Protein backbone atom coordinates (compact mmCIF):
# COMPACT_ATOMS: atom_id res chain seq x y z
CA MET A 1 15.53 40.56 -15.42
CA ASN A 2 13.81 41.36 -18.38
CA ASP A 3 10.22 39.80 -18.67
CA SER A 4 9.30 39.77 -22.01
CA ASN A 5 10.38 36.58 -24.06
CA ILE A 6 12.08 36.27 -26.90
CA GLU A 7 9.52 35.84 -30.14
CA ILE A 8 10.03 32.67 -32.51
CA ALA A 9 6.96 31.43 -34.65
CA LEU A 10 3.73 32.34 -35.55
CA VAL A 11 0.64 29.64 -35.38
CA VAL A 12 -0.11 28.75 -39.02
CA GLU A 13 -2.48 25.71 -38.33
CA VAL A 14 -4.42 23.94 -35.31
CA ASP A 15 -5.30 20.53 -35.22
CA GLY A 16 -7.26 19.67 -31.63
CA LEU A 17 -4.29 19.83 -29.03
CA LEU A 18 -2.25 19.74 -31.65
CA CYS A 19 -1.27 22.85 -34.12
CA LYS A 20 1.77 24.21 -36.12
CA ALA A 21 4.13 26.97 -35.96
CA VAL A 22 5.91 28.84 -38.43
CA THR A 23 9.70 29.93 -37.14
CA PHE A 24 10.47 33.99 -37.99
CA ASP A 25 13.20 34.38 -40.36
CA ASP A 26 15.83 35.23 -37.86
CA MET A 27 14.78 32.40 -35.69
CA ASN A 28 16.49 29.44 -36.43
CA GLN A 29 20.48 29.72 -34.89
CA SER A 30 20.88 27.11 -31.66
CA THR A 31 21.21 29.60 -28.65
CA TYR A 32 20.72 33.33 -28.24
CA ILE A 33 21.48 36.59 -25.86
CA HIS A 34 18.74 37.61 -24.16
CA ASP A 35 19.38 39.91 -20.76
CA GLY A 36 22.57 38.81 -20.94
CA GLU A 37 21.93 35.22 -20.52
CA ILE A 38 22.59 32.16 -23.20
CA ILE A 39 19.42 31.29 -24.08
CA LYS A 40 19.08 28.12 -25.97
CA ASN A 41 16.59 27.78 -28.97
CA THR A 42 13.72 25.73 -29.04
CA SER A 43 13.89 22.46 -30.67
CA VAL A 44 12.17 18.83 -30.19
CA ASN A 45 10.66 17.92 -26.22
CA SER A 46 11.63 21.85 -25.98
CA PHE A 47 8.65 23.88 -24.27
CA VAL A 48 6.72 26.89 -26.26
CA ILE A 49 5.08 29.63 -24.60
CA ILE A 50 1.70 30.02 -26.79
CA GLN A 51 0.45 34.35 -25.66
CA GLN A 52 -3.32 34.39 -26.42
CA ASN A 53 -4.15 37.45 -24.67
CA TYR A 54 -3.77 37.28 -20.50
CA ILE A 55 -3.25 33.29 -20.96
CA LYS A 56 -0.15 31.58 -21.27
CA ILE A 57 -0.68 28.45 -23.23
CA VAL A 58 2.35 25.53 -22.53
CA GLY A 59 2.94 23.30 -25.51
CA ARG A 60 5.66 20.75 -26.37
CA VAL A 61 7.76 20.43 -29.34
CA ASN A 62 6.58 17.21 -30.94
CA SER A 63 8.66 17.26 -34.19
CA GLU A 64 10.15 20.33 -36.73
CA SER A 65 10.11 20.22 -41.07
CA ILE A 66 11.11 23.03 -42.94
CA TRP A 67 9.51 24.92 -45.36
CA ASP A 68 11.76 26.15 -48.44
CA MET A 69 10.32 29.43 -49.48
CA GLN A 70 12.10 29.29 -52.86
CA SER A 71 11.33 25.63 -54.29
CA SER A 72 7.81 24.70 -54.84
CA ASN A 73 8.77 20.99 -54.53
CA LYS A 74 6.97 19.24 -51.52
CA ASN A 75 9.11 16.42 -51.24
CA TYR A 76 13.37 16.68 -49.07
CA ASN A 77 15.29 16.82 -52.41
CA LEU A 78 16.44 20.50 -52.06
CA ASP A 79 17.98 22.33 -55.23
CA SER A 80 20.53 24.12 -55.42
CA ARG A 81 19.11 27.44 -55.06
CA PHE A 82 19.07 25.99 -51.10
CA LYS A 83 20.00 29.54 -49.44
CA LYS A 84 20.02 30.09 -45.46
CA ASN A 85 17.37 32.53 -45.23
CA THR A 86 15.23 30.60 -47.77
CA ILE A 87 14.31 28.17 -45.21
CA ARG A 88 11.56 27.96 -42.68
CA ARG A 89 11.20 25.71 -39.71
CA VAL A 90 7.92 24.70 -38.49
CA LEU A 91 7.37 23.37 -35.26
CA THR A 92 4.40 20.86 -34.29
CA ILE A 93 3.60 21.37 -30.97
CA GLN A 94 1.40 19.72 -28.79
CA VAL A 95 -1.05 21.67 -25.76
CA VAL A 96 0.25 20.17 -22.14
CA GLY A 97 -1.16 22.86 -19.75
CA PHE A 98 -1.38 26.71 -19.06
CA ILE A 99 -0.47 29.42 -17.29
CA SER A 100 -3.01 31.43 -15.48
CA ASN A 101 -2.26 33.93 -11.91
CA GLN A 102 1.47 32.35 -12.33
CA LYS A 103 0.52 28.86 -12.26
CA PHE A 104 0.91 26.10 -14.19
CA ASN A 105 -2.37 24.04 -15.09
CA ILE A 106 -2.63 20.65 -17.03
CA GLY A 107 -5.18 20.33 -19.47
CA ALA A 108 -6.32 21.73 -22.47
CA SER A 109 -9.10 24.50 -21.35
CA TYR A 110 -7.30 26.80 -23.99
CA ILE A 111 -6.62 26.22 -27.62
CA PRO A 112 -4.05 28.44 -29.44
CA MET A 113 -5.40 29.62 -32.65
CA ILE A 114 -4.14 30.85 -35.27
CA GLY A 115 -1.69 33.85 -35.70
CA ASN A 116 -0.76 33.37 -31.71
CA VAL A 117 2.68 34.06 -31.37
CA CYS A 118 5.06 31.29 -29.94
CA SER A 119 8.46 32.09 -27.43
CA ILE A 120 10.85 30.69 -25.88
CA PRO A 121 9.57 30.28 -21.71
CA LEU A 122 11.41 32.75 -19.41
CA THR A 123 13.07 30.48 -16.52
CA ASP A 124 10.26 31.78 -13.89
CA GLU A 125 8.30 29.78 -16.60
CA LEU A 126 9.88 26.99 -16.54
CA ARG A 127 10.18 26.81 -12.99
CA GLN A 128 6.41 26.77 -12.84
CA ILE A 129 5.67 24.19 -15.72
CA TYR A 130 8.54 22.07 -13.23
CA VAL A 131 7.40 22.22 -10.22
CA ASN A 132 3.71 23.32 -10.27
CA SER A 133 4.22 26.36 -8.96
CA PHE A 134 4.97 26.62 -5.73
CA GLU A 135 5.40 30.07 -4.21
CA GLU A 136 8.57 31.37 -3.33
CA SER A 137 9.44 32.38 -0.15
CA LYS A 138 12.98 33.91 1.04
CA ARG A 139 12.20 32.43 4.60
CA GLU A 140 11.25 28.51 2.28
CA LYS A 141 14.13 26.09 1.34
CA TYR A 142 14.70 24.54 -1.41
CA LEU A 143 15.77 21.34 -2.88
CA SER A 144 18.03 20.52 -5.84
CA ILE A 145 17.09 17.54 -7.25
CA GLY A 146 17.90 17.35 -10.72
CA LYS A 147 18.29 19.72 -14.47
CA SER A 148 15.45 19.78 -16.32
CA GLN A 149 17.11 17.38 -19.87
CA ASN A 150 16.19 19.76 -22.15
CA GLU A 151 16.95 23.14 -21.03
CA GLN A 152 19.44 21.97 -18.28
CA LEU A 153 17.88 24.01 -15.78
CA SER A 154 18.17 23.59 -12.14
CA VAL A 155 15.14 22.00 -10.57
CA ARG A 156 14.22 23.51 -7.37
CA ILE A 157 11.51 22.00 -4.98
CA PRO A 158 10.56 23.89 -1.88
CA ILE A 159 10.74 21.36 1.17
CA ASN A 160 8.06 22.45 3.12
CA SER A 161 5.60 22.89 0.70
CA PHE A 162 6.56 19.49 -1.43
CA PHE A 163 7.18 17.11 1.46
CA ALA A 164 3.65 18.29 3.00
CA SER A 165 2.08 17.49 0.47
CA HIS A 166 0.88 13.60 -1.25
CA ILE A 167 2.95 12.78 -4.00
CA GLY A 168 2.79 10.76 -6.52
CA ILE A 169 5.16 9.97 -8.99
CA PHE A 170 3.74 8.44 -12.55
CA GLY A 171 5.13 6.84 -15.62
CA ASN A 172 5.85 3.68 -18.07
CA THR A 173 7.51 0.55 -16.11
CA GLY A 174 11.28 1.72 -16.79
CA SER A 175 10.72 5.44 -16.56
CA GLY A 176 12.46 5.69 -13.38
CA LYS A 177 10.27 6.35 -10.94
CA SER A 178 11.94 4.49 -8.06
CA ASN A 179 15.06 6.37 -8.61
CA THR A 180 13.41 9.21 -9.02
CA LEU A 181 11.91 8.84 -5.12
CA HIS A 182 15.04 7.84 -4.14
CA LYS A 183 16.30 10.98 -4.84
CA LEU A 184 13.65 13.06 -3.29
CA TYR A 185 14.61 11.48 -0.46
CA TYR A 186 18.17 11.10 -0.35
CA GLU A 187 18.38 14.81 -0.95
CA LEU A 188 16.04 15.85 1.59
CA PHE A 189 17.50 12.94 4.64
CA ASN A 190 21.21 15.05 3.89
CA GLN A 191 20.42 18.51 4.45
CA PRO A 192 21.76 19.87 7.78
CA PHE A 193 18.47 19.88 9.98
CA ILE A 194 19.81 19.42 13.47
CA PHE A 195 16.28 17.75 14.19
CA LEU A 196 15.52 15.83 11.32
CA LYS A 197 16.40 12.63 12.56
CA SER A 198 15.67 12.82 16.30
CA LYS A 199 11.97 14.62 15.55
CA SER A 200 10.88 12.31 12.27
CA ARG A 201 10.54 8.80 11.68
CA PHE A 202 9.91 7.64 7.52
CA VAL A 203 8.54 4.34 6.64
CA VAL A 204 9.23 2.67 3.02
CA LEU A 205 7.36 0.41 1.86
CA ASP A 206 9.13 -1.65 -0.56
CA PHE A 207 6.98 -3.40 -2.65
CA ASN A 208 10.56 -5.14 -5.18
CA GLY A 209 13.15 -4.80 -2.72
CA GLU A 210 14.71 -2.11 -4.59
CA TYR A 211 15.71 0.14 -1.36
CA VAL A 212 16.92 -3.07 0.46
CA HIS A 213 20.74 -2.41 0.39
CA GLU A 214 22.90 -0.38 3.02
CA SER A 215 23.44 2.79 1.31
CA SER A 216 20.13 2.93 0.59
CA PHE A 217 18.82 6.75 0.86
CA GLY A 218 22.56 8.01 1.86
CA ILE A 219 21.18 6.96 5.57
CA ILE A 220 23.92 4.86 8.06
CA SER A 221 22.48 1.29 9.17
CA ASP A 222 22.80 2.50 12.82
CA GLU A 223 20.01 5.18 11.74
CA LYS A 224 18.17 2.50 9.57
CA GLU A 225 16.21 -0.79 10.05
CA ILE A 226 15.36 -2.83 6.96
CA PHE A 227 12.06 -5.41 7.45
CA LEU A 228 12.47 -8.49 4.85
CA LEU A 229 9.48 -9.60 4.95
CA GLU A 230 9.07 -13.56 3.45
CA SER A 231 5.74 -15.76 3.31
CA ARG A 232 6.86 -18.57 2.21
CA LYS A 233 9.46 -19.24 5.57
CA GLU A 234 9.53 -17.40 8.72
CA SER A 235 11.13 -13.81 8.37
CA ILE A 236 14.69 -13.40 10.10
CA ASN A 237 13.37 -9.69 11.11
CA LYS A 238 9.97 -9.65 11.60
CA LEU A 239 7.61 -6.32 11.57
CA PRO A 240 6.02 -6.07 15.65
CA ILE A 241 2.64 -5.08 15.60
CA ARG A 242 1.46 -3.68 18.92
CA LYS A 243 -1.67 -6.49 19.98
CA SER A 244 -4.01 -3.84 21.26
CA VAL A 245 -3.34 -2.44 17.60
CA PHE A 246 -4.32 -5.69 15.66
CA TYR A 247 -6.81 -7.04 17.75
CA ASN A 248 -9.51 -4.25 16.00
CA ALA A 249 -12.50 -5.15 14.31
CA ASP A 250 -12.15 -2.33 11.36
CA ILE A 251 -8.09 -3.62 10.71
CA LEU A 252 -9.04 -7.13 10.81
CA SER A 253 -12.52 -6.32 9.06
CA VAL A 254 -9.90 -5.35 6.07
CA LEU A 255 -7.44 -7.85 6.68
CA PHE A 256 -10.11 -10.50 6.06
CA LEU A 257 -12.41 -9.18 3.86
CA ALA A 258 -15.16 -9.20 6.65
CA LYS A 259 -18.42 -8.33 5.58
CA PRO A 260 -19.65 -5.81 7.61
CA GLN A 261 -23.68 -7.17 8.31
CA THR A 262 -22.62 -10.46 9.53
CA GLN A 263 -18.53 -11.28 10.17
CA LYS A 264 -17.34 -7.98 11.30
CA PRO A 265 -19.85 -8.34 14.27
CA PHE A 266 -18.55 -11.81 14.77
CA LEU A 267 -14.52 -10.55 14.93
CA SER A 268 -15.92 -8.27 17.30
CA ARG A 269 -17.31 -11.18 19.47
CA VAL A 270 -13.69 -12.63 19.55
CA ILE A 271 -12.02 -9.87 20.30
CA LYS A 272 -14.04 -9.18 23.03
CA GLY A 273 -13.73 -12.24 24.49
CA ILE A 274 -9.93 -12.15 24.48
CA ARG A 275 -10.01 -8.08 25.97
CA LYS A 276 -12.30 -10.21 29.64
CA TYR A 277 -10.70 -13.54 29.57
CA GLY A 278 -7.21 -12.68 28.14
CA GLU A 279 -4.53 -14.66 25.85
CA GLY A 280 -2.54 -17.82 26.39
CA VAL A 281 -3.36 -21.48 27.53
CA ALA A 282 -4.78 -20.92 30.34
CA SER A 283 -8.23 -18.63 28.70
CA LEU A 284 -8.01 -21.35 26.03
CA ASN A 285 -7.83 -24.45 28.54
CA ASN A 286 -11.23 -22.56 30.35
CA TRP A 287 -12.50 -22.16 27.23
CA VAL A 288 -12.50 -25.99 26.05
CA VAL A 289 -13.31 -27.42 29.19
CA PHE A 290 -16.97 -25.16 28.76
CA LEU A 291 -17.54 -25.74 25.30
CA ILE A 292 -17.33 -29.73 26.35
CA ARG A 293 -19.62 -29.25 28.74
CA SER A 294 -21.97 -27.37 27.32
CA ILE A 295 -22.25 -28.87 24.24
CA MET A 296 -22.64 -33.02 26.66
CA MET A 297 -24.94 -31.62 28.75
CA GLY A 298 -27.12 -30.02 26.42
CA GLU A 299 -29.50 -31.10 23.49
CA PRO A 300 -27.05 -33.77 21.66
CA ASN A 301 -25.40 -32.10 18.40
CA VAL A 302 -23.15 -34.64 16.57
CA THR A 303 -22.25 -32.17 14.34
CA LEU A 304 -21.09 -29.95 16.27
CA ARG A 305 -19.46 -32.03 19.07
CA ASP A 306 -17.32 -33.66 15.59
CA ARG A 307 -17.13 -29.90 14.44
CA LEU A 308 -15.17 -28.89 18.18
CA ILE A 309 -13.37 -32.55 18.38
CA ASP A 310 -11.62 -31.53 14.60
CA THR A 311 -10.65 -28.21 15.82
CA LEU A 312 -8.75 -29.69 18.85
CA VAL A 313 -6.75 -32.31 17.39
CA GLU A 314 -6.06 -29.34 14.17
CA PHE A 315 -3.85 -27.04 16.92
CA TYR A 316 -3.05 -30.13 18.93
CA PRO A 317 -2.60 -32.88 17.15
CA ASP A 318 -2.45 -35.39 20.55
CA LEU A 319 -5.40 -35.00 21.17
CA ASP A 320 -6.82 -37.03 18.14
CA GLU A 321 -6.23 -39.86 20.93
CA GLN A 322 -7.27 -38.44 24.11
CA CYS A 323 -10.44 -36.96 22.99
CA GLY A 324 -11.67 -41.00 21.70
CA PRO A 325 -14.02 -41.35 24.60
CA LEU A 326 -15.58 -37.48 24.25
CA ARG A 327 -15.84 -38.87 20.01
CA SER A 328 -17.20 -42.51 20.82
CA THR A 329 -20.36 -40.37 22.58
CA ILE A 330 -23.87 -41.30 20.69
CA CYS A 331 -27.05 -39.63 21.14
CA TYR A 332 -29.81 -41.70 23.22
CA CYS A 333 -33.38 -41.02 24.40
CA LYS A 334 -33.89 -41.66 28.37
CA ASP A 335 -36.78 -41.23 29.74
CA SER A 336 -38.23 -39.22 26.81
CA VAL A 337 -35.34 -36.93 26.64
CA ASN A 338 -32.31 -36.93 24.50
CA LYS A 339 -28.67 -37.17 25.43
CA PHE A 340 -25.84 -37.70 25.26
CA ALA A 341 -24.00 -41.49 26.14
CA LEU A 342 -20.76 -43.19 25.76
CA PRO A 343 -21.06 -46.67 25.98
CA LEU A 344 -18.54 -48.93 28.38
CA SER A 345 -19.51 -52.01 27.37
CA LYS A 346 -23.02 -53.78 26.35
CA ARG A 347 -24.47 -53.75 29.36
CA ASN A 348 -22.89 -50.37 30.85
CA TRP A 349 -23.62 -46.86 29.56
CA PHE A 350 -22.67 -43.36 30.93
CA PHE A 351 -25.15 -40.73 30.91
CA PHE A 352 -24.66 -37.16 30.20
CA ASP A 353 -27.67 -35.54 32.50
CA GLY A 354 -27.74 -34.28 35.81
CA ASN A 355 -24.54 -32.41 37.10
CA TRP A 356 -21.68 -31.60 35.30
CA ASP A 357 -19.28 -33.89 37.67
CA ASN A 358 -15.97 -35.29 38.42
CA GLU A 359 -17.31 -38.57 37.46
CA LYS A 360 -17.79 -37.63 33.85
CA ILE A 361 -14.81 -35.15 33.83
CA GLU A 362 -13.00 -38.79 34.06
CA ALA A 363 -15.53 -40.24 31.71
CA LEU A 364 -14.18 -37.94 28.49
CA ASN A 365 -10.33 -37.95 30.09
CA ILE A 366 -11.11 -34.33 30.38
CA ASN A 367 -7.46 -33.83 33.06
CA THR A 368 -5.69 -34.85 29.78
CA ILE A 369 -7.13 -33.19 27.53
CA GLU A 370 -6.30 -30.02 29.99
CA ARG A 371 -3.13 -31.04 30.55
CA THR A 372 -2.24 -31.11 26.79
CA ILE A 373 -3.69 -28.12 25.85
CA LEU A 374 -1.74 -26.30 29.33
CA ASN A 375 1.78 -27.91 27.99
CA GLN A 376 1.50 -26.71 24.60
CA GLU A 377 1.77 -22.81 24.01
CA LEU A 378 0.64 -21.48 20.77
CA SER A 379 2.26 -17.95 19.17
CA SER A 380 -0.54 -15.04 18.94
CA PHE A 381 -1.58 -15.76 15.65
CA ASP A 382 -2.72 -19.20 16.21
CA ASP A 383 -3.93 -18.60 19.56
CA PHE A 384 -6.41 -16.32 17.34
CA HIS A 385 -7.10 -18.60 15.23
CA LEU A 386 -8.28 -21.29 17.42
CA ARG A 387 -9.80 -18.49 19.30
CA CYS A 388 -11.85 -17.51 16.16
CA LYS A 389 -13.68 -21.08 15.57
CA LEU A 390 -13.89 -22.02 18.74
CA GLN A 391 -16.15 -18.92 18.63
CA LEU A 392 -17.88 -19.81 16.19
CA VAL A 393 -19.01 -23.28 18.03
CA ARG A 394 -20.04 -21.14 20.73
CA ASP A 395 -22.02 -19.42 18.85
CA LEU A 396 -23.43 -22.29 16.69
CA LEU A 397 -24.31 -23.79 20.57
CA TYR A 398 -26.22 -20.99 20.99
CA GLY A 399 -27.86 -19.95 17.82
CA ASN A 400 -26.08 -16.81 16.96
CA VAL A 401 -25.51 -17.54 13.83
CA ILE A 402 -26.01 -19.56 10.55
CA PRO A 403 -23.03 -21.82 9.43
CA ASP A 404 -23.10 -20.75 6.15
CA HIS A 405 -21.81 -16.76 6.66
CA ILE A 406 -19.19 -17.20 8.96
CA ASP A 407 -17.76 -20.34 7.29
CA PRO A 408 -16.02 -18.26 4.42
CA LEU A 409 -14.61 -16.09 6.76
CA ILE A 410 -13.26 -18.63 8.75
CA ARG A 411 -11.44 -20.31 5.26
CA ILE A 412 -10.12 -16.90 4.51
CA ILE A 413 -8.31 -16.38 8.34
CA ASP A 414 -7.28 -20.28 7.46
CA GLU A 415 -5.67 -19.40 4.01
CA LYS A 416 -4.24 -16.34 5.63
CA ILE A 417 -2.94 -16.50 9.00
CA PHE A 418 -0.31 -18.96 8.80
CA ASN A 419 1.65 -16.89 5.95
CA MET A 420 0.95 -13.84 8.27
CA ASP A 421 2.99 -15.82 11.35
CA ASN A 422 5.89 -15.50 8.60
CA TYR A 423 6.62 -11.87 8.82
CA LEU A 424 4.70 -10.59 11.48
CA SER A 425 4.78 -10.33 15.36
CA LEU A 426 2.27 -9.43 17.38
CA ILE A 427 3.73 -7.64 21.07
CA ASP A 428 2.09 -6.34 24.12
CA SER A 429 3.52 -3.21 24.33
CA ALA A 430 6.08 -0.82 22.84
CA ARG A 431 9.00 -1.92 21.18
CA ASP A 432 12.08 -2.48 23.31
CA LYS A 433 14.49 -1.14 21.31
CA PRO A 434 14.20 3.05 20.40
CA LEU A 435 12.47 3.67 16.41
CA LYS A 436 15.37 3.54 13.62
CA PHE A 437 15.12 7.41 12.16
CA LEU A 438 13.92 5.25 8.89
CA GLU A 439 12.38 1.40 8.51
CA ILE A 440 12.45 0.16 4.64
CA ILE A 441 9.48 -2.92 5.00
CA SER A 442 10.71 -5.15 2.05
CA LEU A 443 7.42 -6.72 0.32
CA ARG A 444 9.51 -8.50 -2.71
CA ASN A 445 9.08 -11.88 -0.93
CA LEU A 446 6.00 -11.67 -0.19
CA ASN A 447 2.87 -13.82 -2.47
CA GLN A 448 0.63 -11.73 -3.90
CA GLU A 449 -2.24 -11.94 -2.26
CA ALA A 450 -0.12 -10.41 0.57
CA LYS A 451 0.99 -7.67 -1.42
CA GLN A 452 -2.85 -6.81 -2.73
CA ILE A 453 -3.78 -3.36 -2.03
CA GLY A 454 -6.65 -3.17 0.39
CA SER A 455 -4.87 -5.97 2.38
CA PHE A 456 -1.18 -5.70 3.81
CA PRO A 457 -0.20 -2.22 2.43
CA GLU A 458 -3.73 -0.81 3.41
CA LEU A 459 -3.01 -2.49 6.96
CA LEU A 460 0.32 -1.33 7.58
CA LYS A 461 -0.91 2.14 6.84
CA ILE A 462 -3.53 2.12 9.57
CA LEU A 463 -1.15 -0.10 12.01
CA LEU A 464 1.88 1.97 11.82
CA TYR A 465 -0.41 5.53 11.62
């Protein structure tokens, strides 16, 4: 094919990124035949090439007007002397980029000059503009994603080069971003690649619930799994996350917005305890009994005792009554030493000194507290939540932290962990059933806090990959 462009106009005025070009005498037809091919003439929204030495400046026609060469009137009331060849079309062109070394670059590095010639882009130049100069290769497979609106040019993109890179789709609300994404992957998934569905896995984060219908992406239900996550009520199909991945200080810091100097080390201690002593009611029971014994047998701290009791009652409401003896203990000075004591009657006091023995266990109703904890299974998220609060009690007991540093983190965990249990499930190992080729995770019914960039979507990216 001939590489020469059809020259159509001459630049006569330049104003910043805008310029005006006047068409030549014979350039007022709607189409032309060029090298055996019908070429559409330039009109509004068409691209034009403005030749400047070896650089091809790319512009888009914003508007067009006319000059009547035989009339001095500057308005649109043309007189009877109008003839076809007396009219000049004036194109208002905005610079959008340039082509250099067969590559299209966005930006205004080059500005047209008066006298530059404008021409209709060749097919190869249009493809460079639309698909950003992906190199042609005989071994490369291509997808046709549609036709350009103005030129009706079939736009093809190279599969390997395009999908192996980062892709961004930008546009105003309602401009078709979601449809474009769906079209791209619909065409990809329906290519005759033998190993595509057995060797690849795709995950779609659907913020607005646009891809949750059965026919989305042209994939049948047997090869696709849809997670409709909800924060206000328990989701039917929760998103499974491996515990070994979730219990990570970096991930939990992102999720709960932990400060790196004080709060992230606290989360690391919680995770260390889980890995050392395990999860479940037995581990929790041992830790609760240990904290009760340490608080009661050490320097009296009523505030810390009450914090522990409030924590236990929050997760085990039945303990409100069972912790009565523990709550009734008071600080008492015996032999110049402050100790906890339990007043059984006016003259009968039980002092918590010496060794931890069965009498003290019975006095504080410890066996009943243990039975309550052992008989009530907590969810994985409640288990983690409780361990965070018990860890704070322990750190305060040994003077490792300042409450004002960790309490804000605990409040964030309080707010987020409840909703999280509605749409996530923590699993011990890989999923029982095989992974589907396509997973669509709908975030439509999650609250705005969960959808925040840097929060749940960021967490999903880390967890899934």
